[in-house]
Amino acid sequence: MRSYIERADGQIAYVYGFDDTDPDAIVAYQLFTGEAATDDFVKQPWFKAYEQETAALLAGPSEFRTITPQWIKRGTA
């Protein structure tokens, strides 16, 4: 999965982290260029296997939410 994320042109950002207030929670945040890039991520051949392998460790299935950014801070080059 990490190699896909590192080379995915449609993925602007990917953040994977531990919740500071809940030791049992993990949060992954992804920012894509559009819906096609989001669809591409979940259609990768390894994604279904990942979901199956981690299911016993999770309280429920992966949850996907869509937001409409109102402002994004851009890094300086």
Protein backbone atom coordinates (compact mmCIF):
# COMPACT_ATOMS: atom_id res chain seq x y z
CA MET A 1 0.00 0.00 0.00
CA ARG A 2 2.76 2.45 0.87
CA SER A 3 4.43 2.12 -2.54
CA TYR A 4 1.09 2.90 -4.24
CA ILE A 5 0.54 5.94 -2.03
CA GLU A 6 4.03 7.29 -2.68
CA ARG A 7 3.51 7.22 -6.45
CA ALA A 8 -0.24 8.04 -6.72
CA ASP A 9 -0.49 11.23 -8.76
CA GLY A 10 -4.11 11.82 -7.74
CA GLN A 11 -3.31 11.72 -4.05
CA ILE A 12 -2.19 15.10 -2.74
CA ALA A 13 -1.70 14.02 0.88
CA TYR A 14 -1.89 10.91 3.03
CA VAL A 15 -1.64 11.11 6.81
CA TYR A 16 -1.67 8.00 9.00
CA GLY A 17 -1.60 8.53 12.74
CA PHE A 18 -2.62 7.48 16.22
CA ASP A 19 -5.38 9.34 18.06
CA ASP A 20 -3.83 11.21 21.00
CA THR A 21 -6.97 10.79 23.14
CA ASP A 22 -7.89 7.20 22.26
CA PRO A 23 -5.10 4.60 22.30
CA ASP A 24 -7.32 2.19 20.35
CA ALA A 25 -7.96 4.57 17.44
CA ILE A 26 -6.03 5.02 14.20
CA VAL A 27 -6.88 7.74 11.72
CA ALA A 28 -5.91 7.87 8.06
CA TYR A 29 -6.63 11.08 6.20
CA GLN A 30 -6.29 11.34 2.45
CA LEU A 31 -6.62 14.32 0.13
CA PHE A 32 -7.26 13.48 -3.52
CA THR A 33 -7.43 15.59 -6.65
CA GLY A 34 -10.96 14.34 -7.33
CA GLU A 35 -13.43 11.50 -7.23
CA ALA A 36 -11.61 9.44 -9.88
CA ALA A 37 -8.45 9.35 -7.74
CA THR A 38 -10.48 8.31 -4.69
CA ASP A 39 -12.12 5.51 -6.66
CA ASP A 40 -8.73 4.37 -7.95
CA PHE A 41 -7.44 3.96 -4.38
CA VAL A 42 -10.24 1.61 -3.26
CA LYS A 43 -10.14 -0.35 -6.52
CA GLN A 44 -6.50 -1.39 -6.09
CA PRO A 45 -6.11 -5.20 -5.95
CA TRP A 46 -4.49 -5.07 -2.49
CA PHE A 47 -7.25 -2.94 -0.90
CA LYS A 48 -9.81 -5.73 -0.48
CA ALA A 49 -7.15 -8.01 1.03
CA TYR A 50 -6.09 -5.19 3.38
CA GLU A 51 -9.69 -4.73 4.53
CA GLN A 52 -10.07 -8.48 5.15
CA GLU A 53 -6.75 -8.79 7.00
CA THR A 54 -7.46 -5.88 9.33
CA ALA A 55 -11.20 -6.51 9.91
CA ALA A 56 -10.66 -8.42 13.17
CA LEU A 57 -8.64 -5.50 14.55
CA LEU A 58 -11.27 -2.86 13.81
CA ALA A 59 -14.52 -1.87 15.52
CA GLY A 60 -16.15 -1.63 12.10
CA PRO A 61 -15.45 -1.32 8.38
CA SER A 62 -13.43 1.56 6.96
CA GLU A 63 -15.39 4.78 6.93
CA PHE A 64 -15.02 7.18 4.02
CA ARG A 65 -16.17 10.77 4.21
CA THR A 66 -16.09 13.43 1.57
CA ILE A 67 -15.53 17.07 2.40
CA THR A 68 -15.48 20.22 0.31
CA PRO A 69 -12.34 22.15 1.27
CA GLN A 70 -12.92 25.84 1.79
CA TRP A 71 -9.25 26.70 2.17
CA ILE A 72 -6.00 24.73 1.96
CA LYS A 73 -2.66 26.03 3.17
CA ARG A 74 -0.06 25.54 0.45
CA GLY A 75 3.54 24.73 1.33
CA THR A 76 6.34 26.93 0.11
CA ALA A 77 8.82 25.56 -2.39
